[in-house]
Amino acid sequence: MAENMGNQLVGKVFKVLSSPTRIHILRLLKDGPLCVCKIIEALGTEQSNTSQHLSSLKNVGLIQSRKEGLKVIYSIKYSEIFETIDIIEKIILMQTEETQKSIKMVI
């Protein structure tokens, strides 16, 4: 029962990470906290769309927010998430290299 719950929680985090926009947000926040206005500007998306992405990231505990006057500032809650992203990128690179080798064998 506990294992199933753990799988569900991990699945929720991976589902949130399945969005390129959310990965972009995490990478923007890697260098430090940002006001939502700067995130919107960097993404070039509408405020409502950006807010939905930020909410998804916050709901699974990857980011946190605080208010500074009228501004909402977002930051990474657990920097370990970048280790996960790096591992996924490494796997993708290995898959790409395997595909290239397979293509060269056929040619």
C-alpha atoms as a PDB file:
ATOM      1  CA  MET A   1       0.000   0.000   0.000  1.00  0.00           C
ATOM      2  CA  ALA A   2       2.794   2.449   0.938  1.00  0.00           C
ATOM      3  CA  GLU A   3       4.724   1.481  -2.203  1.00  0.00           C
ATOM      4  CA  ASN A   4       1.706   2.298  -4.375  1.00  0.00           C
ATOM      5  CA  MET A   5       1.338   5.686  -2.688  1.00  0.00           C
ATOM      6  CA  GLY A   6       5.041   6.373  -3.275  1.00  0.00           C
ATOM      7  CA  ASN A   7       4.660   5.457  -6.936  1.00  0.00           C
ATOM      8  CA  GLN A   8       1.698   7.808  -7.239  1.00  0.00           C
ATOM      9  CA  LEU A   9       3.641  10.687  -5.686  1.00  0.00           C
ATOM     10  CA  VAL A  10       6.647  10.095  -7.932  1.00  0.00           C
ATOM     11  CA  GLY A  11       4.274   9.895 -10.894  1.00  0.00           C
ATOM     12  CA  LYS A  12       2.774  13.284  -9.982  1.00  0.00           C
ATOM     13  CA  VAL A  13       6.203  14.908  -9.922  1.00  0.00           C
ATOM     14  CA  PHE A  14       7.134  13.383 -13.295  1.00  0.00           C
ATOM     15  CA  LYS A  15       3.801  14.491 -14.729  1.00  0.00           C
ATOM     16  CA  VAL A  16       4.549  18.065 -13.668  1.00  0.00           C
ATOM     17  CA  LEU A  17       8.044  17.755 -15.151  1.00  0.00           C
ATOM     18  CA  SER A  18       6.584  16.603 -18.478  1.00  0.00           C
ATOM     19  CA  SER A  19       5.944  20.223 -19.461  1.00  0.00           C
ATOM     20  CA  PRO A  20       8.775  22.021 -21.299  1.00  0.00           C
ATOM     21  CA  THR A  21       7.455  25.312 -19.898  1.00  0.00           C
ATOM     22  CA  ARG A  22       7.768  24.035 -16.331  1.00  0.00           C
ATOM     23  CA  ILE A  23      11.308  22.824 -16.995  1.00  0.00           C
ATOM     24  CA  HIS A  24      12.043  26.309 -18.360  1.00  0.00           C
ATOM     25  CA  ILE A  25      10.635  27.886 -15.182  1.00  0.00           C
ATOM     26  CA  LEU A  26      12.818  25.653 -13.012  1.00  0.00           C
ATOM     27  CA  ARG A  27      15.884  26.612 -15.046  1.00  0.00           C
ATOM     28  CA  LEU A  28      15.012  30.305 -14.694  1.00  0.00           C
ATOM     29  CA  LEU A  29      14.838  29.856 -10.924  1.00  0.00           C
ATOM     30  CA  LYS A  30      18.099  27.904 -10.757  1.00  0.00           C
ATOM     31  CA  ASP A  31      20.128  31.116 -10.476  1.00  0.00           C
ATOM     32  CA  GLY A  32      17.958  32.468  -7.681  1.00  0.00           C
ATOM     33  CA  PRO A  33      14.499  33.710  -6.730  1.00  0.00           C
ATOM     34  CA  LEU A  34      12.493  35.669  -9.299  1.00  0.00           C
ATOM     35  CA  CYS A  35       9.401  37.826  -9.245  1.00  0.00           C
ATOM     36  CA  VAL A  36       6.513  36.338 -11.182  1.00  0.00           C
ATOM     37  CA  CYS A  37       6.708  39.371 -13.484  1.00  0.00           C
ATOM     38  CA  LYS A  38      10.266  38.387 -14.541  1.00  0.00           C
ATOM     39  CA  ILE A  39       9.185  34.783 -15.125  1.00  0.00           C
ATOM     40  CA  ILE A  40       6.308  35.923 -17.339  1.00  0.00           C
ATOM     41  CA  GLU A  41       8.675  38.201 -19.255  1.00  0.00           C
ATOM     42  CA  ALA A  42      11.253  35.426 -19.781  1.00  0.00           C
ATOM     43  CA  LEU A  43       8.629  32.915 -20.929  1.00  0.00           C
ATOM     44  CA  GLY A  44       6.742  35.328 -23.154  1.00  0.00           C
ATOM     45  CA  THR A  45       3.438  33.830 -22.009  1.00  0.00           C
ATOM     46  CA  GLU A  46       0.320  35.267 -20.474  1.00  0.00           C
ATOM     47  CA  GLN A  47       0.072  35.744 -16.729  1.00  0.00           C
ATOM     48  CA  SER A  48      -2.769  33.232 -16.314  1.00  0.00           C
ATOM     49  CA  ASN A  49      -0.846  30.526 -18.179  1.00  0.00           C
ATOM     50  CA  THR A  50       2.336  31.171 -16.209  1.00  0.00           C
ATOM     51  CA  SER A  51       0.390  31.135 -12.937  1.00  0.00           C
ATOM     52  CA  GLN A  52      -1.013  27.702 -13.764  1.00  0.00           C
ATOM     53  CA  HIS A  53       2.478  26.341 -14.385  1.00  0.00           C
ATOM     54  CA  LEU A  54       3.807  27.908 -11.179  1.00  0.00           C
ATOM     55  CA  SER A  55       0.872  26.466  -9.253  1.00  0.00           C
ATOM     56  CA  SER A  56       1.583  22.966 -10.601  1.00  0.00           C
ATOM     57  CA  LEU A  57       5.248  23.208  -9.593  1.00  0.00           C
ATOM     58  CA  LYS A  58       4.305  24.524  -6.178  1.00  0.00           C
ATOM     59  CA  ASN A  59       1.644  21.843  -5.595  1.00  0.00           C
ATOM     60  CA  VAL A  60       4.220  19.053  -5.923  1.00  0.00           C
ATOM     61  CA  GLY A  61       6.661  20.937  -3.708  1.00  0.00           C
ATOM     62  CA  LEU A  62       9.350  21.809  -6.249  1.00  0.00           C
ATOM     63  CA  ILE A  63       9.087  25.575  -5.768  1.00  0.00           C
ATOM     64  CA  GLN A  64       7.950  27.951  -3.057  1.00  0.00           C
ATOM     65  CA  SER A  65       6.735  31.526  -3.010  1.00  0.00           C
ATOM     66  CA  ARG A  66       6.748  34.527  -0.737  1.00  0.00           C
ATOM     67  CA  LYS A  67       5.238  37.979  -0.957  1.00  0.00           C
ATOM     68  CA  GLU A  68       7.318  41.127  -1.007  1.00  0.00           C
ATOM     69  CA  GLY A  69       4.844  43.952  -0.965  1.00  0.00           C
ATOM     70  CA  LEU A  70       2.705  43.481  -4.060  1.00  0.00           C
ATOM     71  CA  LYS A  71       5.202  41.137  -5.730  1.00  0.00           C
ATOM     72  CA  VAL A  72       5.226  37.345  -5.495  1.00  0.00           C
ATOM     73  CA  ILE A  73       8.732  35.896  -5.503  1.00  0.00           C
ATOM     74  CA  TYR A  74       9.303  32.261  -6.504  1.00  0.00           C
ATOM     75  CA  SER A  75      12.292  30.093  -5.669  1.00  0.00           C
ATOM     76  CA  ILE A  76      13.434  26.490  -5.896  1.00  0.00           C
ATOM     77  CA  LYS A  77      12.519  24.495  -2.818  1.00  0.00           C
ATOM     78  CA  TYR A  78      14.821  21.521  -3.460  1.00  0.00           C
ATOM     79  CA  SER A  79      17.823  22.104  -5.716  1.00  0.00           C
ATOM     80  CA  GLU A  80      18.158  18.306  -6.056  1.00  0.00           C
ATOM     81  CA  ILE A  81      15.551  18.518  -8.810  1.00  0.00           C
ATOM     82  CA  PHE A  82      18.356  19.631 -11.126  1.00  0.00           C
ATOM     83  CA  GLU A  83      20.171  16.343 -10.514  1.00  0.00           C
ATOM     84  CA  THR A  84      17.049  14.591 -11.817  1.00  0.00           C
ATOM     85  CA  ILE A  85      16.871  16.837 -14.872  1.00  0.00           C
ATOM     86  CA  ASP A  86      20.597  16.279 -15.540  1.00  0.00           C
ATOM     87  CA  ILE A  87      20.145  12.494 -15.358  1.00  0.00           C
ATOM     88  CA  ILE A  88      17.211  12.604 -17.791  1.00  0.00           C
ATOM     89  CA  GLU A  89      19.271  14.739 -20.184  1.00  0.00           C
ATOM     90  CA  LYS A  90      22.143  12.243 -19.922  1.00  0.00           C
ATOM     91  CA  ILE A  91      19.773   9.373 -20.783  1.00  0.00           C
ATOM     92  CA  ILE A  92      18.450  11.320 -23.777  1.00  0.00           C
ATOM     93  CA  LEU A  93      22.012  11.950 -24.967  1.00  0.00           C
ATOM     94  CA  MET A  94      22.856   8.240 -24.669  1.00  0.00           C
ATOM     95  CA  GLN A  95      19.704   7.341 -26.613  1.00  0.00           C
ATOM     96  CA  THR A  96      20.625   9.835 -29.320  1.00  0.00           C
ATOM     97  CA  GLU A  97      24.133   8.397 -29.584  1.00  0.00           C
ATOM     98  CA  GLU A  98      22.714   4.850 -29.851  1.00  0.00           C
ATOM     99  CA  THR A  99      20.357   5.955 -32.610  1.00  0.00           C
ATOM    100  CA  GLN A 100      23.202   7.614 -34.508  1.00  0.00           C
ATOM    101  CA  LYS A 101      25.294   4.444 -34.245  1.00  0.00           C
ATOM    102  CA  SER A 102      22.375   2.367 -35.518  1.00  0.00           C
ATOM    103  CA  ILE A 103      21.909   4.671 -38.481  1.00  0.00           C
ATOM    104  CA  LYS A 104      25.620   4.505 -39.345  1.00  0.00           C
ATOM    105  CA  MET A 105      25.453   0.677 -39.274  1.00  0.00           C
ATOM    106  CA  VAL A 106      22.610   0.686 -41.780  1.00  0.00           C
ATOM    107  CA  ILE A 107      24.342   3.114 -44.145  1.00  0.00           C
END
